[in-house]
C-alpha atoms as a PDB file:
ATOM      1  CA  MET A   1       0.000   0.000   0.000  1.00  0.00           C
ATOM      2  CA  THR A   2       2.793   2.442   0.903  1.00  0.00           C
ATOM      3  CA  ASP A   3       4.443   1.886  -2.497  1.00  0.00           C
ATOM      4  CA  MET A   4       1.658   3.976  -4.048  1.00  0.00           C
ATOM      5  CA  LEU A   5       3.194   7.251  -2.926  1.00  0.00           C
ATOM      6  CA  ALA A   6       6.202   9.115  -1.761  1.00  0.00           C
ATOM      7  CA  GLU A   7       5.539   9.699   1.902  1.00  0.00           C
ATOM      8  CA  THR A   8       5.468  13.348   2.942  1.00  0.00           C
ATOM      9  CA  GLU A   9       5.341  14.443   6.547  1.00  0.00           C
ATOM     10  CA  THR A  10       2.130  16.073   7.749  1.00  0.00           C
ATOM     11  CA  GLY A  11       2.368  19.648   8.903  1.00  0.00           C
ATOM     12  CA  SER A  12       1.097  20.870  12.232  1.00  0.00           C
ATOM     13  CA  GLN A  13      -1.524  23.168  10.758  1.00  0.00           C
ATOM     14  CA  ASP A  14      -4.981  23.476  12.249  1.00  0.00           C
ATOM     15  CA  PRO A  15      -7.495  21.444  10.228  1.00  0.00           C
ATOM     16  CA  GLN A  16      -9.289  23.765   7.833  1.00  0.00           C
ATOM     17  CA  PRO A  17     -13.027  23.140   7.433  1.00  0.00           C
ATOM     18  CA  ASP A  18     -14.273  23.013   3.871  1.00  0.00           C
ATOM     19  CA  ALA A  19     -17.127  25.462   3.566  1.00  0.00           C
ATOM     20  CA  GLY A  20     -18.692  23.306   0.865  1.00  0.00           C
ATOM     21  CA  ALA A  21     -18.394  20.026   2.766  1.00  0.00           C
ATOM     22  CA  ALA A  22     -21.135  18.315   4.718  1.00  0.00           C
ATOM     23  CA  ASP A  23     -21.225  18.976   8.465  1.00  0.00           C
ATOM     24  CA  LEU A  24     -18.511  17.199  10.402  1.00  0.00           C
ATOM     25  CA  LEU A  25     -19.272  14.135  12.479  1.00  0.00           C
ATOM     26  CA  LEU A  26     -15.692  13.644  13.679  1.00  0.00           C
ATOM     27  CA  GLU A  27     -12.768  16.001  14.143  1.00  0.00           C
ATOM     28  CA  LEU A  28      -9.323  15.293  15.611  1.00  0.00           C
ATOM     29  CA  ARG A  29      -7.163  18.275  16.531  1.00  0.00           C
ATOM     30  CA  HIS A  30      -3.428  17.641  16.977  1.00  0.00           C
ATOM     31  CA  VAL A  31      -4.012  14.273  18.642  1.00  0.00           C
ATOM     32  CA  SER A  32      -1.034  12.367  20.060  1.00  0.00           C
ATOM     33  CA  LYS A  33      -0.819   9.117  22.024  1.00  0.00           C
ATOM     34  CA  ILE A  34       2.552   8.740  23.707  1.00  0.00           C
ATOM     35  CA  TYR A  35       4.005   5.730  25.535  1.00  0.00           C
ATOM     36  CA  GLY A  36       7.399   6.773  26.909  1.00  0.00           C
ATOM     37  CA  ASP A  37       9.472   7.607  23.821  1.00  0.00           C
ATOM     38  CA  LEU A  38       6.948   6.028  21.427  1.00  0.00           C
ATOM     39  CA  HIS A  39       4.452   8.250  19.652  1.00  0.00           C
ATOM     40  CA  ALA A  40       1.810   5.726  18.581  1.00  0.00           C
ATOM     41  CA  VAL A  41      -0.215   8.648  17.192  1.00  0.00           C
ATOM     42  CA  ASP A  42       1.747  11.812  16.510  1.00  0.00           C
ATOM     43  CA  ASP A  43       0.129  15.263  16.151  1.00  0.00           C
ATOM     44  CA  LEU A  44      -2.665  13.962  13.932  1.00  0.00           C
ATOM     45  CA  SER A  45      -5.445  16.270  12.717  1.00  0.00           C
ATOM     46  CA  LEU A  46      -8.364  14.869  10.755  1.00  0.00           C
ATOM     47  CA  GLN A  47     -11.894  15.811   9.729  1.00  0.00           C
ATOM     48  CA  VAL A  48     -14.558  13.271   8.738  1.00  0.00           C
ATOM     49  CA  PRO A  49     -17.825  14.636   7.303  1.00  0.00           C
ATOM     50  CA  ARG A  50     -21.075  12.976   8.273  1.00  0.00           C
ATOM     51  CA  GLY A  51     -21.875  10.102   5.905  1.00  0.00           C
ATOM     52  CA  GLN A  52     -18.335   9.619   4.571  1.00  0.00           C
ATOM     53  CA  TRP A  53     -16.743   6.199   4.040  1.00  0.00           C
ATOM     54  CA  LEU A  54     -13.102   6.532   5.085  1.00  0.00           C
ATOM     55  CA  SER A  55     -10.368   3.892   4.849  1.00  0.00           C
ATOM     56  CA  VAL A  56      -7.312   4.073   7.107  1.00  0.00           C
ATOM     57  CA  VAL A  57      -4.263   2.311   5.673  1.00  0.00           C
ATOM     58  CA  GLY A  58      -0.655   1.873   6.726  1.00  0.00           C
ATOM     59  CA  SER A  59       1.845  -0.788   7.686  1.00  0.00           C
ATOM     60  CA  SER A  60       1.786  -2.660  10.992  1.00  0.00           C
ATOM     61  CA  GLY A  61       2.769  -0.309  13.802  1.00  0.00           C
ATOM     62  CA  SER A  62       1.666   2.796  11.931  1.00  0.00           C
ATOM     63  CA  GLY A  63      -0.889   3.733  14.603  1.00  0.00           C
ATOM     64  CA  LYS A  64      -4.099   2.609  12.891  1.00  0.00           C
ATOM     65  CA  THR A  65      -5.526   0.578  15.774  1.00  0.00           C
ATOM     66  CA  THR A  66      -4.484   3.166  18.376  1.00  0.00           C
ATOM     67  CA  LEU A  67      -6.298   5.802  16.333  1.00  0.00           C
ATOM     68  CA  MET A  68      -9.403   3.615  16.140  1.00  0.00           C
ATOM     69  CA  ASN A  69      -9.327   3.019  19.894  1.00  0.00           C
ATOM     70  CA  ILE A  70      -9.197   6.779  20.526  1.00  0.00           C
ATOM     71  CA  ILE A  71     -12.066   7.477  18.124  1.00  0.00           C
ATOM     72  CA  GLY A  72     -14.046   4.588  19.618  1.00  0.00           C
ATOM     73  CA  CYS A  73     -13.751   5.950  23.184  1.00  0.00           C
ATOM     74  CA  MET A  74     -11.677   2.949  24.266  1.00  0.00           C
ATOM     75  CA  ASP A  75      -8.553   5.041  24.834  1.00  0.00           C
ATOM     76  CA  THR A  76      -7.752   8.699  25.441  1.00  0.00           C
ATOM     77  CA  PRO A  77      -5.148  10.866  23.715  1.00  0.00           C
ATOM     78  CA  THR A  78      -2.102  12.128  25.581  1.00  0.00           C
ATOM     79  CA  ARG A  79      -2.458  15.464  23.828  1.00  0.00           C
ATOM     80  CA  GLY A  80      -5.004  17.053  21.532  1.00  0.00           C
ATOM     81  CA  SER A  81      -8.763  16.824  21.347  1.00  0.00           C
ATOM     82  CA  VAL A  82     -11.392  14.641  19.683  1.00  0.00           C
ATOM     83  CA  LEU A  83     -14.813  16.030  18.808  1.00  0.00           C
ATOM     84  CA  LEU A  84     -17.632  13.668  17.920  1.00  0.00           C
ATOM     85  CA  ASP A  85     -20.759  15.358  16.615  1.00  0.00           C
ATOM     86  CA  GLY A  86     -19.460  18.599  18.113  1.00  0.00           C
ATOM     87  CA  ARG A  87     -18.888  17.137  21.585  1.00  0.00           C
ATOM     88  CA  GLU A  88     -15.359  17.038  22.962  1.00  0.00           C
ATOM     89  CA  LEU A  89     -14.698  13.524  24.254  1.00  0.00           C
ATOM     90  CA  GLY A  90     -11.968  14.664  26.646  1.00  0.00           C
ATOM     91  CA  ARG A  91     -14.524  16.624  28.663  1.00  0.00           C
ATOM     92  CA  MET A  92     -16.715  13.564  29.247  1.00  0.00           C
ATOM     93  CA  ASN A  93     -16.614  11.242  32.238  1.00  0.00           C
ATOM     94  CA  ALA A  94     -16.493   7.440  32.012  1.00  0.00           C
ATOM     95  CA  SER A  95     -20.266   7.088  32.139  1.00  0.00           C
ATOM     96  CA  GLN A  96     -20.764   9.573  29.324  1.00  0.00           C
ATOM     97  CA  LEU A  97     -18.145   7.836  27.175  1.00  0.00           C
ATOM     98  CA  THR A  98     -19.936   4.529  27.763  1.00  0.00           C
ATOM     99  CA  ASP A  99     -23.143   6.151  26.532  1.00  0.00           C
ATOM    100  CA  ILE A 100     -21.318   7.324  23.372  1.00  0.00           C
ATOM    101  CA  ARG A 101     -20.138   3.763  22.711  1.00  0.00           C
ATOM    102  CA  LYS A 102     -23.658   2.416  23.245  1.00  0.00           C
ATOM    103  CA  HIS A 103     -25.624   5.000  21.288  1.00  0.00           C
ATOM    104  CA  VAL A 104     -23.341   6.566  18.676  1.00  0.00           C
ATOM    105  CA  ILE A 105     -20.640   4.046  17.709  1.00  0.00           C
ATOM    106  CA  GLY A 106     -20.827   0.522  16.299  1.00  0.00           C
ATOM    107  CA  LEU A 107     -17.638  -1.557  16.523  1.00  0.00           C
ATOM    108  CA  VAL A 108     -16.585  -4.376  14.175  1.00  0.00           C
ATOM    109  CA  PHE A 109     -13.343  -6.237  14.901  1.00  0.00           C
ATOM    110  CA  GLN A 110     -11.141  -8.663  12.991  1.00  0.00           C
ATOM    111  CA  GLN A 111     -11.445 -11.084  15.911  1.00  0.00           C
ATOM    112  CA  PHE A 112     -15.165 -11.704  16.173  1.00  0.00           C
ATOM    113  CA  HIS A 113     -15.575 -11.569  19.993  1.00  0.00           C
ATOM    114  CA  LEU A 114     -18.776 -13.602  19.915  1.00  0.00           C
ATOM    115  CA  ILE A 115     -19.900 -15.267  23.147  1.00  0.00           C
ATOM    116  CA  PRO A 116     -19.425 -18.983  22.355  1.00  0.00           C
ATOM    117  CA  HIS A 117     -22.369 -20.388  24.352  1.00  0.00           C
ATOM    118  CA  LEU A 118     -24.884 -17.923  22.835  1.00  0.00           C
ATOM    119  CA  THR A 119     -26.560 -18.329  19.453  1.00  0.00           C
ATOM    120  CA  ALA A 120     -26.197 -15.769  16.675  1.00  0.00           C
ATOM    121  CA  ILE A 121     -29.423 -14.005  17.584  1.00  0.00           C
ATOM    122  CA  GLU A 122     -28.544 -14.027  21.292  1.00  0.00           C
ATOM    123  CA  ASN A 123     -25.156 -12.439  20.517  1.00  0.00           C
ATOM    124  CA  VAL A 124     -26.948  -9.646  18.685  1.00  0.00           C
ATOM    125  CA  MET A 125     -29.396  -9.245  21.567  1.00  0.00           C
ATOM    126  CA  VAL A 126     -26.508  -8.757  24.023  1.00  0.00           C
ATOM    127  CA  ALA A 127     -25.869  -5.380  22.381  1.00  0.00           C
ATOM    128  CA  GLN A 128     -29.556  -4.529  22.766  1.00  0.00           C
ATOM    129  CA  TYR A 129     -29.421  -5.481  26.455  1.00  0.00           C
ATOM    130  CA  TYR A 130     -26.598  -3.026  27.188  1.00  0.00           C
ATOM    131  CA  HIS A 131     -28.288  -0.313  25.105  1.00  0.00           C
ATOM    132  CA  SER A 132     -31.896  -0.468  26.348  1.00  0.00           C
ATOM    133  CA  MET A 133     -33.970  -3.658  26.129  1.00  0.00           C
ATOM    134  CA  THR A 134     -33.861  -6.820  24.058  1.00  0.00           C
ATOM    135  CA  ASP A 135     -36.121  -7.292  21.059  1.00  0.00           C
ATOM    136  CA  GLN A 136     -35.857 -10.692  19.407  1.00  0.00           C
ATOM    137  CA  LYS A 137     -37.841  -9.618  16.343  1.00  0.00           C
ATOM    138  CA  GLU A 138     -35.538  -6.658  15.744  1.00  0.00           C
ATOM    139  CA  ALA A 139     -32.447  -8.844  16.286  1.00  0.00           C
ATOM    140  CA  LEU A 140     -33.735 -11.359  13.745  1.00  0.00           C
ATOM    141  CA  ALA A 141     -34.333  -8.534  11.268  1.00  0.00           C
ATOM    142  CA  ALA A 142     -30.729  -7.379  11.790  1.00  0.00           C
ATOM    143  CA  LEU A 143     -29.478 -10.878  10.964  1.00  0.00           C
ATOM    144  CA  GLU A 144     -31.765 -10.997   7.939  1.00  0.00           C
ATOM    145  CA  ASN A 145     -30.202  -7.759   6.706  1.00  0.00           C
ATOM    146  CA  VAL A 146     -26.804  -9.475   6.618  1.00  0.00           C
ATOM    147  CA  GLY A 147     -28.168 -12.671   5.052  1.00  0.00           C
ATOM    148  CA  LEU A 148     -28.201 -14.828   8.193  1.00  0.00           C
ATOM    149  CA  ALA A 149     -31.836 -15.224   9.192  1.00  0.00           C
ATOM    150  CA  GLU A 150     -31.634 -18.994   8.659  1.00  0.00           C
ATOM    151  CA  ARG A 151     -28.548 -19.238  10.891  1.00  0.00           C
ATOM    152  CA  ALA A 152     -30.005 -17.200  13.759  1.00  0.00           C
ATOM    153  CA  HIS A 153     -30.135 -20.127  16.206  1.00  0.00           C
ATOM    154  CA  HIS A 154     -26.679 -21.535  15.470  1.00  0.00           C
ATOM    155  CA  LEU A 155     -23.783 -21.237  17.895  1.00  0.00           C
ATOM    156  CA  PRO A 156     -20.602 -19.448  16.729  1.00  0.00           C
ATOM    157  CA  SER A 157     -18.841 -22.819  16.448  1.00  0.00           C
ATOM    158  CA  GLN A 158     -21.472 -23.854  13.897  1.00  0.00           C
ATOM    159  CA  LEU A 159     -20.864 -20.791  11.709  1.00  0.00           C
ATOM    160  CA  SER A 160     -18.152 -20.116   9.153  1.00  0.00           C
ATOM    161  CA  GLY A 161     -15.730 -17.232   9.631  1.00  0.00           C
ATOM    162  CA  GLY A 162     -17.666 -15.112   7.174  1.00  0.00           C
ATOM    163  CA  GLU A 163     -20.937 -15.849   8.940  1.00  0.00           C
ATOM    164  CA  GLN A 164     -19.425 -14.984  12.315  1.00  0.00           C
ATOM    165  CA  GLN A 165     -18.215 -11.653  10.943  1.00  0.00           C
ATOM    166  CA  ARG A 166     -21.692 -10.868   9.625  1.00  0.00           C
ATOM    167  CA  VAL A 167     -23.127 -11.631  13.075  1.00  0.00           C
ATOM    168  CA  CYS A 168     -20.622  -9.086  14.435  1.00  0.00           C
ATOM    169  CA  ILE A 169     -21.823  -6.524  11.895  1.00  0.00           C
ATOM    170  CA  ALA A 170     -25.465  -7.189  12.817  1.00  0.00           C
ATOM    171  CA  ARG A 171     -24.525  -6.732  16.483  1.00  0.00           C
ATOM    172  CA  ALA A 172     -22.724  -3.472  15.702  1.00  0.00           C
ATOM    173  CA  LEU A 173     -25.720  -2.129  13.766  1.00  0.00           C
ATOM    174  CA  ILE A 174     -28.566  -3.239  16.041  1.00  0.00           C
ATOM    175  CA  ASN A 175     -28.620   0.079  17.931  1.00  0.00           C
ATOM    176  CA  HIS A 176     -28.466   2.190  14.726  1.00  0.00           C
ATOM    177  CA  PRO A 177     -25.104   3.917  15.305  1.00  0.00           C
ATOM    178  CA  GLU A 178     -24.139   7.108  13.497  1.00  0.00           C
ATOM    179  CA  LEU A 179     -20.545   5.900  13.140  1.00  0.00           C
ATOM    180  CA  VAL A 180     -19.307   2.386  12.366  1.00  0.00           C
ATOM    181  CA  LEU A 181     -15.650   1.645  13.181  1.00  0.00           C
ATOM    182  CA  ALA A 182     -14.265  -1.528  11.613  1.00  0.00           C
ATOM    183  CA  ASP A 183     -10.722  -2.746  12.388  1.00  0.00           C
ATOM    184  CA  GLU A 184      -9.530  -5.163   9.664  1.00  0.00           C
ATOM    185  CA  PRO A 185     -13.088  -6.517   9.192  1.00  0.00           C
ATOM    186  CA  THR A 186     -12.100  -8.720   6.220  1.00  0.00           C
ATOM    187  CA  GLY A 187      -8.684  -9.773   7.476  1.00  0.00           C
ATOM    188  CA  ASN A 188      -9.750 -13.358   8.278  1.00  0.00           C
ATOM    189  CA  LEU A 189     -12.126 -13.823   5.329  1.00  0.00           C
ATOM    190  CA  ASP A 190     -11.881 -15.395   1.904  1.00  0.00           C
ATOM    191  CA  GLU A 191     -12.727 -13.358  -1.193  1.00  0.00           C
ATOM    192  CA  ALA A 192     -16.394 -14.328  -1.334  1.00  0.00           C
ATOM    193  CA  ASN A 193     -17.034 -13.429   2.302  1.00  0.00           C
ATOM    194  CA  GLU A 194     -14.966 -10.266   1.953  1.00  0.00           C
ATOM    195  CA  GLN A 195     -17.331  -9.210  -0.812  1.00  0.00           C
ATOM    196  CA  LEU A 196     -20.357  -9.873   1.378  1.00  0.00           C
ATOM    197  CA  VAL A 197     -18.954  -7.553   4.020  1.00  0.00           C
ATOM    198  CA  LEU A 198     -18.124  -4.862   1.451  1.00  0.00           C
ATOM    199  CA  ASP A 199     -21.634  -5.062   0.023  1.00  0.00           C
ATOM    200  CA  ILE A 200     -23.061  -4.532   3.525  1.00  0.00           C
ATOM    201  CA  PHE A 201     -20.770  -1.526   4.023  1.00  0.00           C
ATOM    202  CA  ALA A 202     -21.818  -0.114   0.643  1.00  0.00           C
ATOM    203  CA  ARG A 203     -25.473  -0.330   1.644  1.00  0.00           C
ATOM    204  CA  LEU A 204     -24.759   1.333   4.989  1.00  0.00           C
ATOM    205  CA  HIS A 205     -22.893   4.118   3.222  1.00  0.00           C
ATOM    206  CA  ALA A 206     -25.748   4.595   0.752  1.00  0.00           C
ATOM    207  CA  ALA A 207     -28.103   4.940   3.731  1.00  0.00           C
ATOM    208  CA  GLY A 208     -25.962   7.749   5.187  1.00  0.00           C
ATOM    209  CA  THR A 209     -23.958   5.895   7.861  1.00  0.00           C
ATOM    210  CA  THR A 210     -20.434   7.155   8.475  1.00  0.00           C
ATOM    211  CA  LEU A 211     -17.835   4.374   8.113  1.00  0.00           C
ATOM    212  CA  ILE A 212     -14.186   4.291   9.175  1.00  0.00           C
ATOM    213  CA  VAL A 213     -12.442   1.077   8.115  1.00  0.00           C
ATOM    214  CA  VAL A 214      -8.867   0.103   8.989  1.00  0.00           C
ATOM    215  CA  THR A 215      -7.446  -2.271   6.401  1.00  0.00           C
ATOM    216  CA  HIS A 216      -4.275  -3.645   4.812  1.00  0.00           C
ATOM    217  CA  ASP A 217      -6.241  -4.726   1.727  1.00  0.00           C
ATOM    218  CA  ALA A 218      -5.922  -2.415  -1.292  1.00  0.00           C
ATOM    219  CA  HIS A 219      -9.268  -3.535  -2.730  1.00  0.00           C
ATOM    220  CA  VAL A 220     -11.111  -2.959   0.548  1.00  0.00           C
ATOM    221  CA  ALA A 221      -9.501   0.482   0.859  1.00  0.00           C
ATOM    222  CA  SER A 222     -10.435   1.399  -2.705  1.00  0.00           C
ATOM    223  CA  CYS A 223     -14.134   0.863  -2.016  1.00  0.00           C
ATOM    224  CA  ALA A 224     -14.180   3.860   0.336  1.00  0.00           C
ATOM    225  CA  GLN A 225     -14.739   7.451  -0.765  1.00  0.00           C
ATOM    226  CA  ARG A 226     -11.504   8.546   0.848  1.00  0.00           C
ATOM    227  CA  GLN A 227      -8.282   6.957   2.057  1.00  0.00           C
ATOM    228  CA  ILE A 228      -5.724   8.240   4.527  1.00  0.00           C
ATOM    229  CA  LEU A 229      -2.253   6.788   5.018  1.00  0.00           C
ATOM    230  CA  LEU A 230      -0.538   6.611   8.412  1.00  0.00           C
ATOM    231  CA  ASN A 231       3.169   6.121   9.027  1.00  0.00           C
ATOM    232  CA  HIS A 232       4.698   6.069  12.515  1.00  0.00           C
ATOM    233  CA  GLY A 233       1.562   7.649  13.913  1.00  0.00           C
ATOM    234  CA  ARG A 234       1.464  10.542  11.459  1.00  0.00           C
ATOM    235  CA  LEU A 235      -0.995  11.244   8.661  1.00  0.00           C
ATOM    236  CA  VAL A 236       1.339  11.308   5.652  1.00  0.00           C
ATOM    237  CA  GLY A 237      -1.062  11.131   2.714  1.00  0.00           C
ATOM    238  CA  GLU A 238      -4.646  10.936   1.577  1.00  0.00           C
ATOM    239  CA  LYS A 239      -6.668  10.612  -1.597  1.00  0.00           C
ATOM    240  CA  LEU A 240     -10.224  10.545  -2.831  1.00  0.00           C
ATOM    241  CA  ASN A 241     -11.378   7.502  -4.767  1.00  0.00           C
ATOM    242  CA  ALA A 242     -13.412   7.805  -7.941  1.00  0.00           C
ATOM    243  CA  ALA A 243     -17.088   6.919  -7.485  1.00  0.00           C
ATOM    244  CA  GLY A 244     -17.310   3.150  -7.235  1.00  0.00           C
ATOM    245  CA  ALA A 245     -13.557   2.690  -7.663  1.00  0.00           C
ATOM    246  CA  GLY A 246     -12.507  -0.848  -6.874  1.00  0.00           C
ATOM    247  CA  ARG A 247     -16.071  -1.957  -6.192  1.00  0.00           C
ATOM    248  CA  ARG A 248     -17.226  -5.243  -7.648  1.00  0.00           C
ATOM    249  CA  GLU A 249     -20.786  -4.920  -8.888  1.00  0.00           C
ATOM    250  CA  LYS A 250     -22.654  -7.993  -7.665  1.00  0.00           C
ATOM    251  CA  ASP A 251     -25.441  -8.830  -5.276  1.00  0.00           C
ATOM    252  CA  MET A 252     -24.628  -9.578  -1.638  1.00  0.00           C
ATOM    253  CA  LEU A 253     -25.282 -13.305  -1.803  1.00  0.00           C
ATOM    254  CA  ASP A 254     -23.963 -13.868  -5.328  1.00  0.00           C
ATOM    255  CA  PHE A 255     -20.960 -16.176  -5.138  1.00  0.00           C
ATOM    256  CA  GLY A 256     -20.437 -16.188  -8.912  1.00  0.00           C
ATOM    257  CA  GLN A 257     -17.283 -15.267 -10.796  1.00  0.00           C
ATOM    258  CA  ASP A 258     -15.812 -11.990  -9.617  1.00  0.00           C
ATOM    259  CA  GLU A 259     -15.321  -9.125 -12.008  1.00  0.00           C
ATOM    260  CA  PRO A 260     -11.824  -7.662 -12.193  1.00  0.00           C
ATOM    261  CA  ALA A 261     -11.354  -4.822  -9.747  1.00  0.00           C
ATOM    262  CA  ALA A 262     -11.475  -1.376 -11.242  1.00  0.00           C
ATOM    263  CA  PRO A 263      -8.321   0.698 -10.848  1.00  0.00           C
ATOM    264  CA  ALA A 264      -8.058   2.701  -7.678  1.00  0.00           C
ATOM    265  CA  GLY A 265      -8.228   6.461  -7.661  1.00  0.00           C
ATOM    266  CA  ASP A 266      -5.365   8.905  -8.006  1.00  0.00           C
ATOM    267  CA  ALA A 267      -2.179   8.598  -5.981  1.00  0.00           C
ATOM    268  CA  PHE A 268      -2.159   9.821  -2.400  1.00  0.00           C
ATOM    269  CA  ALA A 269      -1.663  13.540  -1.847  1.00  0.00           C
ATOM    270  CA  PRO A 270       0.612  14.617   0.988  1.00  0.00           C
ATOM    271  CA  GLY A 271      -1.050  14.711   4.389  1.00  0.00           C
ATOM    272  CA  GLY A 272      -2.175  17.936   5.972  1.00  0.00           C
ATOM    273  CA  GLU A 273      -4.310  18.985   3.002  1.00  0.00           C
ATOM    274  CA  GLU A 274      -7.696  17.892   4.224  1.00  0.00           C
ATOM    275  CA  ALA A 275      -9.585  16.565   1.213  1.00  0.00           C
ATOM    276  CA  GLN A 276     -13.302  16.278   1.738  1.00  0.00           C
ATOM    277  CA  ALA A 277     -15.751  14.193  -0.230  1.00  0.00           C
END
């Protein structure tokens, strides 16, 4: 992925809002996460408009997961500020941050984190339980939306990796989050199941959900509207993808022959120039 550009260091400028862009859902202002001498995230500024599909790419150790943990209210920055829907996360207490995770953010992980003794529908209902109250009919509808209604009463051990990941997506979406954070969501999947996940993300994006997806996969990254590249915790490049770039046009449950991937968009621009979709 990093071969696609000559890496250029990001400046320390304040992020400049685009007057023509949609309203911002997420803004990071000079965010750093420091462990001793290690800057896992280093003076990173970023704006994400509401409804954008953003891919975060970079080599292992570039700070992608640390960034996701900060955005997802699972970690706090050492310096800088994070604003989600205009609210500064650093000013919130633990209870308020828990409410943000329950009501605003949906999390999808590479490791599925399903409870092994609960069925698919029960795993989805766990998220309902911590949000408000359980609703089996709504949970079944969420599984139906990811093509798993017939597998609702199977245990995780009775599901394939792709099916388990779709249960995770249904669980993440059951409370209708404004922002979906996905950390390597296709990393353990074959091509057919990867496409199922991408089709689900495309439908979420079309419905106006904001998506931030960490990935090492060039095809997965190319399906987003916008890509940013991290290196040693710094935002060193970004680009906008052409409409539909890299997207295979096929129905969610079509396991037929794949079409060749379309070429990705233009090369990355240096970081610090905030491109907006």
